[in-house]
């Protein structure tokens, strides 16, 4: 079984779409937290730049994260993300080393 995985993803809204992007991202929180293997799933908005959002997620394993990416609500976000994003999502994975 693989080790715990942390995902840090940043999203930048198109001008005027900050609130809509936030609404769509916040809609992912509760269903993601309910997934098997989700340790934590938190959404943050920058204090200095309201267009910048950050997801901070912890998953039990790479396999759990792979299942997360297949969830219908996440796929639906992915299909419509270009409506609200100014640039591609920046998704980075980190492995727990302690």
PDB file of N, CA and C in Angstrom:
ATOM      1  N   UNK A   1       0.848  -1.190   0.000  1.00  0.00           N
ATOM      2  CA  UNK A   1       0.000   0.000   0.000  1.00  0.00           C
ATOM      3  C   UNK A   1       0.886   1.243   0.000  1.00  0.00           C
ATOM      4  N   UNK A   2       0.551   2.196  -0.807  1.00  0.00           N
ATOM      5  CA  UNK A   2       1.373   3.401  -0.878  1.00  0.00           C
ATOM      6  C   UNK A   2       1.105   4.300   0.321  1.00  0.00           C
ATOM      7  N   UNK A   3       2.014   5.212   0.544  1.00  0.00           N
ATOM      8  CA  UNK A   3       1.928   6.107   1.687  1.00  0.00           C
ATOM      9  C   UNK A   3       0.997   7.277   1.433  1.00  0.00           C
ATOM     10  N   UNK A   4       0.704   7.965   2.521  1.00  0.00           N
ATOM     11  CA  UNK A   4      -0.144   9.156   2.455  1.00  0.00           C
ATOM     12  C   UNK A   4       0.381  10.139   1.429  1.00  0.00           C
ATOM     13  N   UNK A   5      -0.561  10.780   0.752  1.00  0.00           N
ATOM     14  CA  UNK A   5      -0.236  11.718  -0.309  1.00  0.00           C
ATOM     15  C   UNK A   5      -0.918  13.047  -0.019  1.00  0.00           C
ATOM     16  N   UNK A   6      -0.192  14.135  -0.201  1.00  0.00           N
ATOM     17  CA  UNK A   6      -0.756  15.471  -0.071  1.00  0.00           C
ATOM     18  C   UNK A   6      -0.814  16.094  -1.454  1.00  0.00           C
ATOM     19  N   UNK A   7      -1.927  16.736  -1.750  1.00  0.00           N
ATOM     20  CA  UNK A   7      -2.100  17.434  -3.021  1.00  0.00           C
ATOM     21  C   UNK A   7      -2.324  18.908  -2.707  1.00  0.00           C
ATOM     22  N   UNK A   8      -1.571  19.756  -3.399  1.00  0.00           N
ATOM     23  CA  UNK A   8      -1.751  21.197  -3.307  1.00  0.00           C
ATOM     24  C   UNK A   8      -2.056  21.675  -4.722  1.00  0.00           C
ATOM     25  N   UNK A   9      -3.246  22.237  -4.895  1.00  0.00           N
ATOM     26  CA  UNK A   9      -3.669  22.686  -6.221  1.00  0.00           C
ATOM     27  C   UNK A   9      -4.058  24.159  -6.141  1.00  0.00           C
ATOM     28  N   UNK A  10      -3.575  24.937  -7.098  1.00  0.00           N
ATOM     29  CA  UNK A  10      -3.957  26.347  -7.143  1.00  0.00           C
ATOM     30  C   UNK A  10      -4.737  26.602  -8.420  1.00  0.00           C
ATOM     31  N   UNK A  11      -5.699  27.509  -8.283  1.00  0.00           N
ATOM     32  CA  UNK A  11      -6.569  27.878  -9.391  1.00  0.00           C
ATOM     33  C   UNK A  11      -6.704  29.396  -9.414  1.00  0.00           C
ATOM     34  N   UNK A  12      -6.572  29.980 -10.591  1.00  0.00           N
ATOM     35  CA  UNK A  12      -6.731  31.427 -10.745  1.00  0.00           C
ATOM     36  C   UNK A  12      -7.963  31.704 -11.602  1.00  0.00           C
ATOM     37  N   UNK A  13      -8.861  32.517 -11.050  1.00  0.00           N
ATOM     38  CA  UNK A  13     -10.108  32.853 -11.754  1.00  0.00           C
ATOM     39  C   UNK A  13      -9.863  33.886 -12.838  1.00  0.00           C
ATOM     40  N   UNK A  14     -10.667  33.790 -13.884  1.00  0.00           N
ATOM     41  CA  UNK A  14     -10.697  34.856 -14.881  1.00  0.00           C
ATOM     42  C   UNK A  14     -11.234  36.118 -14.199  1.00  0.00           C
ATOM     43  N   UNK A  15     -10.852  37.301 -14.676  1.00  0.00           N
ATOM     44  CA  UNK A  15     -11.391  38.533 -14.093  1.00  0.00           C
ATOM     45  C   UNK A  15     -12.917  38.507 -14.071  1.00  0.00           C
ATOM     46  N   UNK A  16     -13.478  38.827 -12.918  1.00  0.00           N
ATOM     47  CA  UNK A  16     -14.922  38.839 -12.745  1.00  0.00           C
ATOM     48  C   UNK A  16     -15.527  37.485 -12.417  1.00  0.00           C
ATOM     49  N   UNK A  17     -14.698  36.423 -12.424  1.00  0.00           N
ATOM     50  CA  UNK A  17     -15.211  35.071 -12.157  1.00  0.00           C
ATOM     51  C   UNK A  17     -14.751  34.530 -10.803  1.00  0.00           C
ATOM     52  N   UNK A  18     -14.213  35.396  -9.960  1.00  0.00           N
ATOM     53  CA  UNK A  18     -13.676  34.950  -8.674  1.00  0.00           C
ATOM     54  C   UNK A  18     -14.739  34.246  -7.823  1.00  0.00           C
ATOM     55  N   UNK A  19     -15.909  34.858  -7.738  1.00  0.00           N
ATOM     56  CA  UNK A  19     -16.976  34.295  -6.915  1.00  0.00           C
ATOM     57  C   UNK A  19     -17.500  32.987  -7.511  1.00  0.00           C
ATOM     58  N   UNK A  20     -17.642  32.937  -8.823  1.00  0.00           N
ATOM     59  CA  UNK A  20     -18.139  31.720  -9.475  1.00  0.00           C
ATOM     60  C   UNK A  20     -17.149  30.572  -9.326  1.00  0.00           C
ATOM     61  N   UNK A  21     -15.862  30.855  -9.492  1.00  0.00           N
ATOM     62  CA  UNK A  21     -14.859  29.807  -9.294  1.00  0.00           C
ATOM     63  C   UNK A  21     -14.930  29.306  -7.862  1.00  0.00           C
ATOM     64  N   UNK A  22     -14.998  30.226  -6.907  1.00  0.00           N
ATOM     65  CA  UNK A  22     -15.095  29.823  -5.508  1.00  0.00           C
ATOM     66  C   UNK A  22     -16.304  28.954  -5.243  1.00  0.00           C
ATOM     67  N   UNK A  23     -17.424  29.309  -5.804  1.00  0.00           N
ATOM     68  CA  UNK A  23     -18.658  28.528  -5.634  1.00  0.00           C
ATOM     69  C   UNK A  23     -18.459  27.105  -6.153  1.00  0.00           C
ATOM     70  N   UNK A  24     -17.851  26.979  -7.326  1.00  0.00           N
ATOM     71  CA  UNK A  24     -17.628  25.658  -7.917  1.00  0.00           C
ATOM     72  C   UNK A  24     -16.620  24.838  -7.118  1.00  0.00           C
ATOM     73  N   UNK A  25     -15.565  25.494  -6.657  1.00  0.00           N
ATOM     74  CA  UNK A  25     -14.561  24.779  -5.866  1.00  0.00           C
ATOM     75  C   UNK A  25     -15.118  24.350  -4.523  1.00  0.00           C
ATOM     76  N   UNK A  26     -15.850  25.235  -3.865  1.00  0.00           N
ATOM     77  CA  UNK A  26     -16.416  24.903  -2.556  1.00  0.00           C
ATOM     78  C   UNK A  26     -17.429  23.765  -2.657  1.00  0.00           C
ATOM     79  N   UNK A  27     -18.069  23.618  -3.807  1.00  0.00           N
ATOM     80  CA  UNK A  27     -19.016  22.520  -4.008  1.00  0.00           C
ATOM     81  C   UNK A  27     -18.317  21.157  -4.043  1.00  0.00           C
ATOM     82  N   UNK A  28     -17.009  21.140  -4.232  1.00  0.00           N
ATOM     83  CA  UNK A  28     -16.245  19.891  -4.261  1.00  0.00           C
ATOM     84  C   UNK A  28     -15.855  19.408  -2.869  1.00  0.00           C
ATOM     85  N   UNK A  29     -15.902  20.296  -1.886  1.00  0.00           N
ATOM     86  CA  UNK A  29     -15.351  19.984  -0.565  1.00  0.00           C
ATOM     87  C   UNK A  29     -16.087  18.841   0.121  1.00  0.00           C
ATOM     88  N   UNK A  30     -17.377  18.977   0.350  1.00  0.00           N
ATOM     89  CA  UNK A  30     -18.102  17.955   1.121  1.00  0.00           C
ATOM     90  C   UNK A  30     -18.093  16.583   0.456  1.00  0.00           C
ATOM     91  N   UNK A  31     -18.386  16.470  -0.848  1.00  0.00           N
ATOM     92  CA  UNK A  31     -18.335  15.126  -1.435  1.00  0.00           C
ATOM     93  C   UNK A  31     -16.927  14.534  -1.413  1.00  0.00           C
ATOM     94  N   UNK A  32     -15.907  15.374  -1.550  1.00  0.00           N
ATOM     95  CA  UNK A  32     -14.535  14.861  -1.494  1.00  0.00           C
ATOM     96  C   UNK A  32     -14.203  14.355  -0.099  1.00  0.00           C
ATOM     97  N   UNK A  33     -14.611  15.108   0.919  1.00  0.00           N
ATOM     98  CA  UNK A  33     -14.358  14.681   2.301  1.00  0.00           C
ATOM     99  C   UNK A  33     -15.040  13.366   2.626  1.00  0.00           C
ATOM    100  N   UNK A  34     -16.142  13.067   1.951  1.00  0.00           N
ATOM    101  CA  UNK A  34     -16.896  11.837   2.214  1.00  0.00           C
ATOM    102  C   UNK A  34     -16.292  10.619   1.518  1.00  0.00           C
ATOM    103  N   UNK A  35     -15.343  10.834   0.624  1.00  0.00           N
ATOM    104  CA  UNK A  35     -14.742   9.715  -0.108  1.00  0.00           C
ATOM    105  C   UNK A  35     -13.877   8.860   0.809  1.00  0.00           C
ATOM    106  N   UNK A  36     -13.894   7.561   0.526  1.00  0.00           N
ATOM    107  CA  UNK A  36     -13.003   6.656   1.228  1.00  0.00           C
ATOM    108  C   UNK A  36     -11.563   7.050   0.892  1.00  0.00           C
ATOM    109  N   UNK A  37     -10.735   7.134   1.892  1.00  0.00           N
ATOM    110  CA  UNK A  37      -9.335   7.473   1.671  1.00  0.00           C
ATOM    111  C   UNK A  37      -9.015   8.940   1.797  1.00  0.00           C
ATOM    112  N   UNK A  38     -10.038   9.796   1.911  1.00  0.00           N
ATOM    113  CA  UNK A  38      -9.785  11.224   2.098  1.00  0.00           C
ATOM    114  C   UNK A  38      -9.523  11.489   3.578  1.00  0.00           C
ATOM    115  N   UNK A  39      -8.356  12.017   3.878  1.00  0.00           N
ATOM    116  CA  UNK A  39      -7.999  12.377   5.248  1.00  0.00           C
ATOM    117  C   UNK A  39      -8.456  13.799   5.535  1.00  0.00           C
ATOM    118  N   UNK A  40      -8.200  14.700   4.601  1.00  0.00           N
ATOM    119  CA  UNK A  40      -8.665  16.088   4.723  1.00  0.00           C
ATOM    120  C   UNK A  40      -8.741  16.705   3.338  1.00  0.00           C
ATOM    121  N   UNK A  41      -9.629  17.692   3.216  1.00  0.00           N
ATOM    122  CA  UNK A  41      -9.829  18.361   1.929  1.00  0.00           C
ATOM    123  C   UNK A  41     -10.303  19.773   2.260  1.00  0.00           C
ATOM    124  N   UNK A  42      -9.425  20.740   2.095  1.00  0.00           N
ATOM    125  CA  UNK A  42      -9.729  22.114   2.497  1.00  0.00           C
ATOM    126  C   UNK A  42      -9.500  23.070   1.339  1.00  0.00           C
ATOM    127  N   UNK A  43     -10.382  24.058   1.243  1.00  0.00           N
ATOM    128  CA  UNK A  43     -10.299  25.051   0.172  1.00  0.00           C
ATOM    129  C   UNK A  43      -9.997  26.404   0.802  1.00  0.00           C
ATOM    130  N   UNK A  44      -9.065  27.124   0.202  1.00  0.00           N
ATOM    131  CA  UNK A  44      -8.636  28.422   0.717  1.00  0.00           C
ATOM    132  C   UNK A  44      -8.686  29.458  -0.398  1.00  0.00           C
ATOM    133  N   UNK A  45      -8.969  30.700  -0.020  1.00  0.00           N
ATOM    134  CA  UNK A  45      -8.893  31.830  -0.957  1.00  0.00           C
ATOM    135  C   UNK A  45      -7.831  32.781  -0.441  1.00  0.00           C
ATOM    136  N   UNK A  46      -7.003  33.285  -1.328  1.00  0.00           N
ATOM    137  CA  UNK A  46      -5.925  34.197  -0.942  1.00  0.00           C
ATOM    138  C   UNK A  46      -6.478  35.454  -0.272  1.00  0.00           C
ATOM    139  N   UNK A  47      -5.826  35.873   0.782  1.00  0.00           N
ATOM    140  CA  UNK A  47      -6.195  37.127   1.456  1.00  0.00           C
ATOM    141  C   UNK A  47      -5.814  38.345   0.635  1.00  0.00           C
ATOM    142  N   UNK A  48      -4.794  38.194  -0.216  1.00  0.00           N
ATOM    143  CA  UNK A  48      -4.268  39.323  -0.979  1.00  0.00           C
ATOM    144  C   UNK A  48      -4.764  39.376  -2.422  1.00  0.00           C
ATOM    145  N   UNK A  49      -5.253  38.237  -2.931  1.00  0.00           N
ATOM    146  CA  UNK A  49      -5.647  38.142  -4.331  1.00  0.00           C
ATOM    147  C   UNK A  49      -6.897  37.277  -4.431  1.00  0.00           C
ATOM    148  N   UNK A  50      -8.086  37.870  -4.473  1.00  0.00           N
ATOM    149  CA  UNK A  50      -9.325  37.077  -4.455  1.00  0.00           C
ATOM    150  C   UNK A  50      -9.500  36.151  -5.656  1.00  0.00           C
ATOM    151  N   UNK A  51      -8.688  36.308  -6.677  1.00  0.00           N
ATOM    152  CA  UNK A  51      -8.782  35.426  -7.841  1.00  0.00           C
ATOM    153  C   UNK A  51      -8.049  34.104  -7.620  1.00  0.00           C
ATOM    154  N   UNK A  52      -7.242  34.029  -6.563  1.00  0.00           N
ATOM    155  CA  UNK A  52      -6.390  32.865  -6.329  1.00  0.00           C
ATOM    156  C   UNK A  52      -6.980  31.961  -5.248  1.00  0.00           C
ATOM    157  N   UNK A  53      -7.198  30.704  -5.620  1.00  0.00           N
ATOM    158  CA  UNK A  53      -7.744  29.690  -4.726  1.00  0.00           C
ATOM    159  C   UNK A  53      -6.739  28.557  -4.581  1.00  0.00           C
ATOM    160  N   UNK A  54      -6.754  27.907  -3.419  1.00  0.00           N
ATOM    161  CA  UNK A  54      -5.838  26.808  -3.152  1.00  0.00           C
ATOM    162  C   UNK A  54      -6.594  25.665  -2.497  1.00  0.00           C
ATOM    163  N   UNK A  55      -6.433  24.475  -3.050  1.00  0.00           N
ATOM    164  CA  UNK A  55      -6.964  23.261  -2.421  1.00  0.00           C
ATOM    165  C   UNK A  55      -5.803  22.563  -1.736  1.00  0.00           C
ATOM    166  N   UNK A  56      -6.021  22.185  -0.477  1.00  0.00           N
ATOM    167  CA  UNK A  56      -5.025  21.433   0.289  1.00  0.00           C
ATOM    168  C   UNK A  56      -5.687  20.130   0.703  1.00  0.00           C
ATOM    169  N   UNK A  57      -5.171  19.032   0.171  1.00  0.00           N
ATOM    170  CA  UNK A  57      -5.813  17.731   0.338  1.00  0.00           C
ATOM    171  C   UNK A  57      -4.812  16.710   0.860  1.00  0.00           C
ATOM    172  N   UNK A  58      -5.293  15.811   1.704  1.00  0.00           N
ATOM    173  CA  UNK A  58      -4.496  14.673   2.145  1.00  0.00           C
ATOM    174  C   UNK A  58      -5.275  13.398   1.881  1.00  0.00           C
ATOM    175  N   UNK A  59      -4.599  12.460   1.230  1.00  0.00           N
ATOM    176  CA  UNK A  59      -5.204  11.197   0.841  1.00  0.00           C
ATOM    177  C   UNK A  59      -4.408  10.055   1.425  1.00  0.00           C
ATOM    178  N   UNK A  60      -5.106   8.980   1.744  1.00  0.00           N
ATOM    179  CA  UNK A  60      -4.479   7.814   2.356  1.00  0.00           C
ATOM    180  C   UNK A  60      -3.453   7.178   1.415  1.00  0.00           C
ATOM    181  N   UNK A  61      -3.738   7.218   0.093  1.00  0.00           N
ATOM    182  CA  UNK A  61      -2.837   6.556  -0.859  1.00  0.00           C
ATOM    183  C   UNK A  61      -3.026   7.137  -2.257  1.00  0.00           C
ATOM    184  N   UNK A  62      -2.107   6.812  -3.115  1.00  0.00           N
ATOM    185  CA  UNK A  62      -2.190   7.195  -4.530  1.00  0.00           C
ATOM    186  C   UNK A  62      -3.436   6.577  -5.172  1.00  0.00           C
ATOM    187  N   UNK A  63      -3.778   5.367  -4.749  1.00  0.00           N
ATOM    188  CA  UNK A  63      -4.958   4.693  -5.286  1.00  0.00           C
ATOM    189  C   UNK A  63      -6.239   5.451  -4.928  1.00  0.00           C
ATOM    190  N   UNK A  64      -6.310   5.943  -3.688  1.00  0.00           N
ATOM    191  CA  UNK A  64      -7.479   6.719  -3.270  1.00  0.00           C
ATOM    192  C   UNK A  64      -7.582   8.011  -4.078  1.00  0.00           C
ATOM    193  N   UNK A  65      -6.464   8.652  -4.320  1.00  0.00           N
ATOM    194  CA  UNK A  65      -6.458   9.875  -5.116  1.00  0.00           C
ATOM    195  C   UNK A  65      -6.894   9.578  -6.553  1.00  0.00           C
ATOM    196  N   UNK A  66      -6.428   8.469  -7.101  1.00  0.00           N
ATOM    197  CA  UNK A  66      -6.817   8.096  -8.468  1.00  0.00           C
ATOM    198  C   UNK A  66      -8.329   7.904  -8.552  1.00  0.00           C
ATOM    199  N   UNK A  67      -8.939   7.279  -7.532  1.00  0.00           N
ATOM    200  CA  UNK A  67     -10.399   7.115  -7.508  1.00  0.00           C
ATOM    201  C   UNK A  67     -11.088   8.471  -7.420  1.00  0.00           C
ATOM    202  N   UNK A  68     -10.507   9.390  -6.642  1.00  0.00           N
ATOM    203  CA  UNK A  68     -11.065  10.734  -6.497  1.00  0.00           C
ATOM    204  C   UNK A  68     -11.170  11.421  -7.861  1.00  0.00           C
ATOM    205  N   UNK A  69     -10.127  11.302  -8.676  1.00  0.00           N
ATOM    206  CA  UNK A  69     -10.123  11.947  -9.988  1.00  0.00           C
ATOM    207  C   UNK A  69     -11.173  11.369 -10.932  1.00  0.00           C
ATOM    208  N   UNK A  70     -11.715  10.201 -10.608  1.00  0.00           N
ATOM    209  CA  UNK A  70     -12.738   9.563 -11.443  1.00  0.00           C
ATOM    210  C   UNK A  70     -14.158   9.881 -10.977  1.00  0.00           C
ATOM    211  N   UNK A  71     -14.309  10.609  -9.886  1.00  0.00           N
ATOM    212  CA  UNK A  71     -15.638  10.916  -9.360  1.00  0.00           C
ATOM    213  C   UNK A  71     -16.396  11.831 -10.330  1.00  0.00           C
ATOM    214  N   UNK A  72     -17.691  11.580 -10.515  1.00  0.00           N
ATOM    215  CA  UNK A  72     -18.480  12.374 -11.472  1.00  0.00           C
ATOM    216  C   UNK A  72     -18.442  13.877 -11.201  1.00  0.00           C
ATOM    217  N   UNK A  73     -18.500  14.294  -9.946  1.00  0.00           N
ATOM    218  CA  UNK A  73     -18.498  15.733  -9.651  1.00  0.00           C
ATOM    219  C   UNK A  73     -17.156  16.376  -9.987  1.00  0.00           C
ATOM    220  N   UNK A  74     -16.061  15.634  -9.834  1.00  0.00           N
ATOM    221  CA  UNK A  74     -14.757  16.190 -10.190  1.00  0.00           C
ATOM    222  C   UNK A  74     -14.589  16.242 -11.705  1.00  0.00           C
ATOM    223  N   UNK A  75     -15.087  15.211 -12.379  1.00  0.00           N
ATOM    224  CA  UNK A  75     -15.037  15.221 -13.846  1.00  0.00           C
ATOM    225  C   UNK A  75     -15.887  16.362 -14.398  1.00  0.00           C
ATOM    226  N   UNK A  76     -17.045  16.611 -13.788  1.00  0.00           N
ATOM    227  CA  UNK A  76     -17.916  17.710 -14.245  1.00  0.00           C
ATOM    228  C   UNK A  76     -17.209  19.051 -14.070  1.00  0.00           C
ATOM    229  N   UNK A  77     -16.493  19.229 -12.941  1.00  0.00           N
ATOM    230  CA  UNK A  77     -15.719  20.454 -12.754  1.00  0.00           C
ATOM    231  C   UNK A  77     -14.668  20.575 -13.858  1.00  0.00           C
ATOM    232  N   UNK A  78     -13.976  19.493 -14.125  1.00  0.00           N
ATOM    233  CA  UNK A  78     -12.937  19.502 -15.150  1.00  0.00           C
ATOM    234  C   UNK A  78     -13.454  19.861 -16.536  1.00  0.00           C
ATOM    235  N   UNK A  79     -14.663  19.411 -16.836  1.00  0.00           N
ATOM    236  CA  UNK A  79     -15.240  19.685 -18.152  1.00  0.00           C
ATOM    237  C   UNK A  79     -15.638  21.149 -18.324  1.00  0.00           C
ATOM    238  N   UNK A  80     -15.929  21.841 -17.224  1.00  0.00           N
ATOM    239  CA  UNK A  80     -16.379  23.240 -17.322  1.00  0.00           C
ATOM    240  C   UNK A  80     -15.366  24.249 -16.786  1.00  0.00           C
ATOM    241  N   UNK A  81     -14.210  23.772 -16.367  1.00  0.00           N
ATOM    242  CA  UNK A  81     -13.240  24.657 -15.693  1.00  0.00           C
ATOM    243  C   UNK A  81     -12.757  25.812 -16.562  1.00  0.00           C
ATOM    244  N   UNK A  82     -12.699  25.624 -17.868  1.00  0.00           N
ATOM    245  CA  UNK A  82     -12.201  26.682 -18.746  1.00  0.00           C
ATOM    246  C   UNK A  82     -13.110  27.909 -18.753  1.00  0.00           C
ATOM    247  N   UNK A  83     -14.356  27.741 -18.327  1.00  0.00           N
ATOM    248  CA  UNK A  83     -15.278  28.877 -18.232  1.00  0.00           C
ATOM    249  C   UNK A  83     -14.827  29.881 -17.174  1.00  0.00           C
ATOM    250  N   UNK A  84     -14.150  29.400 -16.142  1.00  0.00           N
ATOM    251  CA  UNK A  84     -13.828  30.253 -14.983  1.00  0.00           C
ATOM    252  C   UNK A  84     -12.336  30.415 -14.711  1.00  0.00           C
ATOM    253  N   UNK A  85     -11.500  29.546 -15.264  1.00  0.00           N
ATOM    254  CA  UNK A  85     -10.066  29.603 -14.980  1.00  0.00           C
ATOM    255  C   UNK A  85      -9.318  30.491 -15.963  1.00  0.00           C
ATOM    256  N   UNK A  86      -8.431  31.319 -15.434  1.00  0.00           N
ATOM    257  CA  UNK A  86      -7.594  32.184 -16.257  1.00  0.00           C
ATOM    258  C   UNK A  86      -6.395  31.432 -16.823  1.00  0.00           C
ATOM    259  N   UNK A  87      -6.033  30.330 -16.178  1.00  0.00           N
ATOM    260  CA  UNK A  87      -4.874  29.536 -16.599  1.00  0.00           C
ATOM    261  C   UNK A  87      -5.096  28.107 -16.108  1.00  0.00           C
ATOM    262  N   UNK A  88      -4.324  27.157 -16.603  1.00  0.00           N
ATOM    263  CA  UNK A  88      -4.510  25.776 -16.164  1.00  0.00           C
ATOM    264  C   UNK A  88      -4.309  25.625 -14.655  1.00  0.00           C
ATOM    265  N   UNK A  89      -5.007  24.657 -14.069  1.00  0.00           N
ATOM    266  CA  UNK A  89      -4.794  24.330 -12.663  1.00  0.00           C
ATOM    267  C   UNK A  89      -3.343  23.925 -12.454  1.00  0.00           C
ATOM    268  N   UNK A  90      -2.781  24.294 -11.334  1.00  0.00           N
ATOM    269  CA  UNK A  90      -1.437  23.857 -10.955  1.00  0.00           C
ATOM    270  C   UNK A  90      -1.620  22.840  -9.834  1.00  0.00           C
ATOM    271  N   UNK A  91      -1.446  21.558 -10.164  1.00  0.00           N
ATOM    272  CA  UNK A  91      -1.664  20.476  -9.205  1.00  0.00           C
ATOM    273  C   UNK A  91      -0.324  19.821  -8.911  1.00  0.00           C
ATOM    274  N   UNK A  92       0.028  19.789  -7.624  1.00  0.00           N
ATOM    275  CA  UNK A  92       1.300  19.188  -7.214  1.00  0.00           C
ATOM    276  C   UNK A  92       1.047  18.163  -6.129  1.00  0.00           C
ATOM    277  N   UNK A  93       1.752  17.032  -6.240  1.00  0.00           N
ATOM    278  CA  UNK A  93       1.627  15.950  -5.275  1.00  0.00           C
ATOM    279  C   UNK A  93       2.873  15.889  -4.408  1.00  0.00           C
ATOM    280  N   UNK A  94       2.667  15.604  -3.139  1.00  0.00           N
ATOM    281  CA  UNK A  94       3.750  15.479  -2.180  1.00  0.00           C
ATOM    282  C   UNK A  94       3.554  14.187  -1.386  1.00  0.00           C
ATOM    283  N   UNK A  95       4.644  13.445  -1.167  1.00  0.00           N
ATOM    284  CA  UNK A  95       4.580  12.209  -0.396  1.00  0.00           C
ATOM    285  C   UNK A  95       5.047  12.445   1.018  1.00  0.00           C
ATOM    286  N   UNK A  96       4.331  11.854   1.965  1.00  0.00           N
ATOM    287  CA  UNK A  96       4.701  11.948   3.374  1.00  0.00           C
ATOM    288  C   UNK A  96       5.974  11.176   3.614  1.00  0.00           C
ATOM    289  N   UNK A  97       6.951  11.791   4.238  1.00  0.00           N
ATOM    290  CA  UNK A  97       8.259  11.154   4.427  1.00  0.00           C
ATOM    291  C   UNK A  97       8.571  10.861   5.896  1.00  0.00           C
ATOM    292  N   UNK A  98       7.675  11.199   6.798  1.00  0.00           N
ATOM    293  CA  UNK A  98       7.992  10.928   8.213  1.00  0.00           C
ATOM    294  C   UNK A  98       7.410   9.618   8.671  1.00  0.00           C
TER     295      UNK A  98
END
